[in-house]
Amino acid sequence: MYSPAPLSGTARVGGSTFRLDRVLWRALGGLGFFSLRLPEADGGAGLGLPEAVLAFEEAGRALVPGPLVATHLAAGEVPGAATGEVVVAAADGRIVEWLDEADVVRRGAEGAVPMRSVDPLTPLHRVPAPAPSDPVADLLTAAEQLGTATRVCELAVQHARTREQFGQPIGAFQAVKHLCAQMLVRAELARAAVYAAAVTADRGDIAAARLLADEAAVRGARDCLQVHGGMGFTWDSEVHLHLKRAWVRAQRGGAVTESEELLAADLVA
């Protein structure tokens, strides 16, 4: 999936260099994206995890680039993070996203080595040892994955309704119907789990939500690409970008093995 390669902190999209948009980052800060869970007395909105999950779900739908989770978690601790004036990166599992673009780096990014990322909008570094998983980071990642799962389901259904073969929309074919139906089921199952975990904040609930959301995003994006065919790989389509972003998120801390082991330990206990 990844291979070590020199990386300058930029990503390449269709042959052009992409850097983190600081204007967008400050706009997100101005909207309260990063300070959502800070107390009102500290300049935040005083909201909780359920509201943060909704915001990160929409960010996932829109493929918003940048270390969103790390900066959100740093609000209130790193000056400027809450307002979007400062970009914060952090080791999450075995990777660090946007390390060279960050103003502040937290959580054990020492010894990070550049990697070539499958996602052209997410420059990556690999760390020698995995960073401890943060349950809130896992939940917000699950919310982003849910946003992707929902978006690719919408894209697949839209394409199936308008693309015609043999004189009829491809959505009339049983194989395409099954793909779209399975995408919807996985996305809605993940939605129920993510929303419930946002309310309970239980570590086991978060692990289950992360597993379901990762599956819904990755498998959903792959199925969406299947529905679109070759055009889904082109730069005119966002489908392949959703798949690549879902792959990268699935490598963060709290991914499949870690979540499965946590759930297994809960069952044994």
Protein backbone atom coordinates (compact mmCIF):
# COMPACT_ATOMS: atom_id res chain seq x y z
CA MET A 1 0.00 0.00 0.00
CA TYR A 2 2.81 2.41 0.83
CA SER A 3 6.49 2.49 -0.03
CA PRO A 4 9.24 4.71 1.42
CA ALA A 5 9.98 7.69 -0.81
CA PRO A 6 11.25 11.25 -0.43
CA LEU A 7 8.38 13.58 0.37
CA SER A 8 8.47 17.33 0.85
CA GLY A 9 5.20 17.72 2.72
CA THR A 10 3.25 18.30 -0.48
CA ALA A 11 0.99 15.97 -2.39
CA ARG A 12 0.62 15.65 -6.14
CA VAL A 13 -2.80 15.74 -7.78
CA GLY A 14 -2.94 15.08 -11.49
CA GLY A 15 0.67 16.22 -11.87
CA SER A 16 0.33 19.46 -9.85
CA THR A 17 1.66 20.14 -6.35
CA PHE A 18 -0.93 20.32 -3.59
CA ARG A 19 -0.28 22.03 -0.26
CA LEU A 20 -2.48 22.40 2.77
CA ASP A 21 -4.83 25.34 2.23
CA ARG A 22 -4.23 27.65 5.19
CA VAL A 23 -7.16 29.88 4.21
CA LEU A 24 -9.46 26.86 4.38
CA TRP A 25 -7.89 25.83 7.69
CA ARG A 26 -8.54 29.25 9.25
CA ALA A 27 -12.07 29.20 7.83
CA LEU A 28 -12.68 25.87 9.56
CA GLY A 29 -11.36 27.39 12.78
CA GLY A 30 -13.60 30.41 12.36
CA LEU A 31 -16.62 28.14 11.96
CA GLY A 32 -15.75 26.44 15.24
CA PHE A 33 -14.79 23.08 13.75
CA PHE A 34 -11.73 22.67 15.96
CA SER A 35 -13.16 24.37 19.07
CA LEU A 36 -16.51 22.57 18.97
CA ARG A 37 -15.94 20.69 22.26
CA LEU A 38 -14.21 23.50 24.14
CA PRO A 39 -16.19 25.20 26.94
CA GLU A 40 -17.84 28.48 25.98
CA ALA A 41 -15.69 30.24 28.56
CA ASP A 42 -12.63 29.20 26.53
CA GLY A 43 -14.06 30.37 23.21
CA GLY A 44 -15.63 27.07 22.17
CA ALA A 45 -19.18 25.97 21.49
CA GLY A 46 -19.43 23.82 24.63
CA LEU A 47 -20.75 20.83 22.70
CA GLY A 48 -19.85 17.15 22.98
CA LEU A 49 -18.83 14.06 21.06
CA PRO A 50 -22.20 13.55 19.29
CA GLU A 51 -21.95 17.00 17.73
CA ALA A 52 -18.28 16.49 16.84
CA VAL A 53 -19.15 13.20 15.14
CA LEU A 54 -21.70 14.97 12.93
CA ALA A 55 -19.12 17.59 11.92
CA PHE A 56 -16.46 14.99 11.12
CA GLU A 57 -18.97 12.93 9.16
CA GLU A 58 -19.56 15.91 6.88
CA ALA A 59 -15.82 16.51 6.58
CA GLY A 60 -15.45 12.91 5.43
CA ARG A 61 -18.20 13.36 2.85
CA ALA A 62 -16.44 16.42 1.46
CA LEU A 63 -12.93 14.90 1.47
CA VAL A 64 -11.62 17.84 3.51
CA PRO A 65 -7.80 17.43 3.56
CA GLY A 66 -5.45 17.97 6.47
CA PRO A 67 -4.86 16.62 9.99
CA LEU A 68 -8.39 17.38 11.15
CA VAL A 69 -8.47 14.93 14.05
CA ALA A 70 -5.07 15.92 15.45
CA THR A 71 -5.84 19.64 15.32
CA HIS A 72 -9.31 19.17 16.83
CA LEU A 73 -7.88 17.17 19.73
CA ALA A 74 -5.20 19.82 20.30
CA ALA A 75 -7.71 22.66 20.66
CA GLY A 76 -7.45 24.07 24.18
CA GLU A 77 -3.95 22.68 24.64
CA VAL A 78 -2.01 24.11 21.69
CA PRO A 79 -2.39 27.89 21.26
CA GLY A 80 -3.89 28.72 17.87
CA ALA A 81 -5.19 25.22 17.15
CA ALA A 82 -8.80 26.08 18.06
CA THR A 83 -8.90 29.03 15.64
CA GLY A 84 -7.13 27.27 12.78
CA GLU A 85 -4.11 29.54 12.97
CA VAL A 86 -1.94 26.53 13.86
CA VAL A 87 -1.87 23.14 12.11
CA VAL A 88 -1.22 20.23 14.45
CA ALA A 89 -0.02 16.78 13.39
CA ALA A 90 0.23 13.70 15.59
CA ALA A 91 1.38 10.11 15.31
CA ASP A 92 -1.70 7.92 14.99
CA GLY A 93 -0.86 4.23 14.94
CA ARG A 94 2.14 3.87 12.65
CA ILE A 95 1.55 6.96 10.52
CA VAL A 96 1.68 10.75 10.76
CA GLU A 97 -0.38 12.77 8.30
CA TRP A 98 0.79 16.17 6.99
CA LEU A 99 3.92 16.17 9.14
CA ASP A 100 5.89 18.66 7.02
CA GLU A 101 2.98 21.09 6.85
CA ALA A 102 2.35 21.07 10.61
CA ASP A 103 3.29 23.94 12.93
CA VAL A 104 3.14 21.66 15.99
CA VAL A 105 3.72 17.90 16.18
CA ARG A 106 2.40 15.84 19.09
CA ARG A 107 2.28 12.21 20.21
CA GLY A 108 5.55 10.53 19.37
CA ALA A 109 6.43 11.43 15.80
CA GLU A 110 10.16 11.12 16.50
CA GLY A 111 12.06 9.19 13.85
CA ALA A 112 9.28 9.52 11.28
CA VAL A 113 10.24 8.45 7.75
CA PRO A 114 8.55 9.84 4.60
CA MET A 115 6.27 7.46 2.72
CA ARG A 116 4.59 7.58 -0.65
CA SER A 117 0.89 7.79 0.06
CA VAL A 118 -1.80 6.08 -1.98
CA ASP A 119 -3.96 9.16 -1.30
CA PRO A 120 -2.65 12.16 -3.27
CA LEU A 121 -4.30 14.54 -0.78
CA THR A 122 -2.64 13.08 2.34
CA PRO A 123 1.17 13.17 2.64
CA LEU A 124 2.36 10.50 5.08
CA HIS A 125 5.27 9.64 7.34
CA ARG A 126 5.82 6.31 9.08
CA VAL A 127 6.90 6.15 12.72
CA PRO A 128 9.18 3.39 14.09
CA ALA A 129 6.76 2.29 16.82
CA PRO A 130 2.97 2.58 16.86
CA ALA A 131 1.54 5.39 18.95
CA PRO A 132 -1.07 4.46 21.58
CA SER A 133 -4.59 4.58 20.24
CA ASP A 134 -6.80 7.46 21.43
CA PRO A 135 -10.49 6.46 21.72
CA VAL A 136 -11.74 9.92 20.72
CA ALA A 137 -9.44 9.94 17.69
CA ASP A 138 -10.74 6.48 16.77
CA LEU A 139 -14.33 7.68 17.01
CA LEU A 140 -13.70 10.80 14.91
CA THR A 141 -11.94 8.66 12.31
CA ALA A 142 -14.97 6.37 12.27
CA ALA A 143 -17.15 9.44 11.69
CA GLU A 144 -15.02 10.47 8.71
CA GLN A 145 -15.26 6.94 7.33
CA LEU A 146 -19.04 7.08 7.77
CA GLY A 147 -19.12 10.27 5.72
CA THR A 148 -17.22 8.55 2.93
CA ALA A 149 -19.49 5.47 3.10
CA THR A 150 -22.58 7.66 2.77
CA ARG A 151 -21.15 9.75 -0.05
CA VAL A 152 -20.01 6.83 -2.21
CA CYS A 153 -23.41 5.18 -1.79
CA GLU A 154 -25.04 8.35 -3.09
CA LEU A 155 -22.59 8.55 -6.00
CA ALA A 156 -23.20 4.93 -6.96
CA VAL A 157 -26.99 5.29 -6.90
CA GLN A 158 -26.85 8.52 -8.88
CA HIS A 159 -24.64 6.93 -11.54
CA ALA A 160 -26.77 3.77 -11.67
CA ARG A 161 -29.85 5.90 -12.38
CA THR A 162 -28.30 7.95 -15.20
CA ARG A 163 -25.80 5.66 -16.92
CA GLU A 164 -27.47 3.57 -19.61
CA GLN A 165 -26.46 0.32 -21.27
CA PHE A 166 -28.54 -1.82 -23.63
CA GLY A 167 -31.20 0.88 -23.66
CA GLN A 168 -31.83 1.07 -19.92
CA PRO A 169 -30.20 2.48 -16.77
CA ILE A 170 -27.57 0.16 -15.33
CA GLY A 171 -29.44 0.36 -12.03
CA ALA A 172 -32.02 -1.95 -13.57
CA PHE A 173 -29.48 -4.78 -13.60
CA GLN A 174 -29.61 -7.09 -10.59
CA ALA A 175 -25.86 -7.10 -9.97
CA VAL A 176 -25.77 -3.30 -9.72
CA LYS A 177 -28.87 -3.27 -7.50
CA HIS A 178 -27.17 -5.68 -5.12
CA LEU A 179 -24.01 -3.58 -4.94
CA CYS A 180 -25.97 -0.42 -4.12
CA ALA A 181 -28.15 -2.20 -1.57
CA GLN A 182 -25.14 -3.68 0.20
CA MET A 183 -23.45 -0.27 0.32
CA LEU A 184 -26.53 1.25 1.93
CA VAL A 185 -26.83 -1.54 4.52
CA ARG A 186 -23.17 -1.24 5.53
CA ALA A 187 -23.37 2.56 5.75
CA GLU A 188 -26.53 2.57 7.88
CA LEU A 189 -25.19 -0.14 10.19
CA ALA A 190 -22.02 1.89 10.66
CA ARG A 191 -24.10 5.03 11.25
CA ALA A 192 -26.03 3.40 14.10
CA ALA A 193 -22.79 2.16 15.70
CA VAL A 194 -20.94 5.48 15.35
CA TYR A 195 -23.81 7.55 16.71
CA ALA A 196 -24.30 5.16 19.64
CA ALA A 197 -20.57 5.23 20.47
CA ALA A 198 -20.66 9.04 20.40
CA VAL A 199 -23.32 8.95 23.12
CA THR A 200 -21.83 6.23 25.35
CA ALA A 201 -18.13 7.06 24.75
CA ASP A 202 -17.49 3.44 25.73
CA ARG A 203 -14.17 2.05 24.47
CA GLY A 204 -15.81 -1.19 23.29
CA ASP A 205 -18.57 0.69 21.47
CA ILE A 206 -15.97 2.87 19.79
CA ALA A 207 -13.99 -0.19 18.66
CA ALA A 208 -17.13 -1.75 17.16
CA ALA A 209 -18.02 1.52 15.44
CA ARG A 210 -14.53 1.83 14.01
CA LEU A 211 -14.63 -1.70 12.59
CA LEU A 212 -18.00 -1.17 10.95
CA ALA A 213 -17.13 2.30 9.63
CA ASP A 214 -13.81 1.18 8.14
CA GLU A 215 -15.56 -1.69 6.36
CA ALA A 216 -18.41 0.51 5.14
CA ALA A 217 -16.01 3.13 3.75
CA VAL A 218 -13.48 0.83 2.08
CA ARG A 219 -15.90 -1.74 0.69
CA GLY A 220 -18.41 0.94 -0.21
CA ALA A 221 -15.84 2.96 -2.15
CA ARG A 222 -14.64 -0.18 -3.95
CA ASP A 223 -18.20 -1.10 -4.91
CA CYS A 224 -18.87 2.48 -6.02
CA LEU A 225 -15.81 2.26 -8.24
CA GLN A 226 -17.16 -1.00 -9.65
CA VAL A 227 -20.48 0.69 -10.51
CA HIS A 228 -18.68 3.58 -12.22
CA GLY A 229 -16.28 1.37 -14.15
CA GLY A 230 -13.20 2.93 -15.75
CA MET A 231 -14.45 6.49 -15.42
CA GLY A 232 -14.27 6.14 -11.63
CA PHE A 233 -10.46 6.14 -11.88
CA THR A 234 -10.28 9.45 -13.77
CA TRP A 235 -9.40 12.82 -12.24
CA ASP A 236 -12.85 14.07 -13.24
CA SER A 237 -14.37 11.68 -10.68
CA GLU A 238 -14.11 11.87 -6.89
CA VAL A 239 -14.79 8.13 -6.47
CA HIS A 240 -11.17 6.96 -6.48
CA LEU A 241 -10.23 9.73 -4.04
CA HIS A 242 -12.79 8.45 -1.54
CA LEU A 243 -11.34 4.95 -1.82
CA LYS A 244 -7.78 6.16 -1.34
CA ARG A 245 -8.72 8.33 1.63
CA ALA A 246 -10.61 5.42 3.21
CA TRP A 247 -7.53 3.21 2.82
CA VAL A 248 -5.34 5.80 4.57
CA ARG A 249 -7.78 6.32 7.45
CA ALA A 250 -7.99 2.56 7.91
CA GLN A 251 -4.24 2.56 8.73
CA ARG A 252 -4.63 4.93 11.68
CA GLY A 253 -4.54 3.72 15.27
CA GLY A 254 -7.54 1.68 16.35
CA ALA A 255 -7.72 -0.13 13.03
CA VAL A 256 -8.98 -3.67 12.45
CA THR A 257 -6.61 -5.78 14.54
CA GLU A 258 -6.50 -3.41 17.51
CA SER A 259 -10.30 -3.00 17.60
CA GLU A 260 -10.88 -6.73 17.23
CA GLU A 261 -8.50 -7.48 20.10
CA LEU A 262 -10.18 -4.91 22.32
CA LEU A 263 -13.63 -6.36 21.61
CA ALA A 264 -12.34 -9.87 22.19
CA ALA A 265 -10.90 -8.84 25.57
CA ASP A 266 -14.25 -7.32 26.53
CA LEU A 267 -16.04 -10.54 25.60
CA VAL A 268 -13.62 -12.66 27.63
CA ALA A 269 -13.96 -10.34 30.62
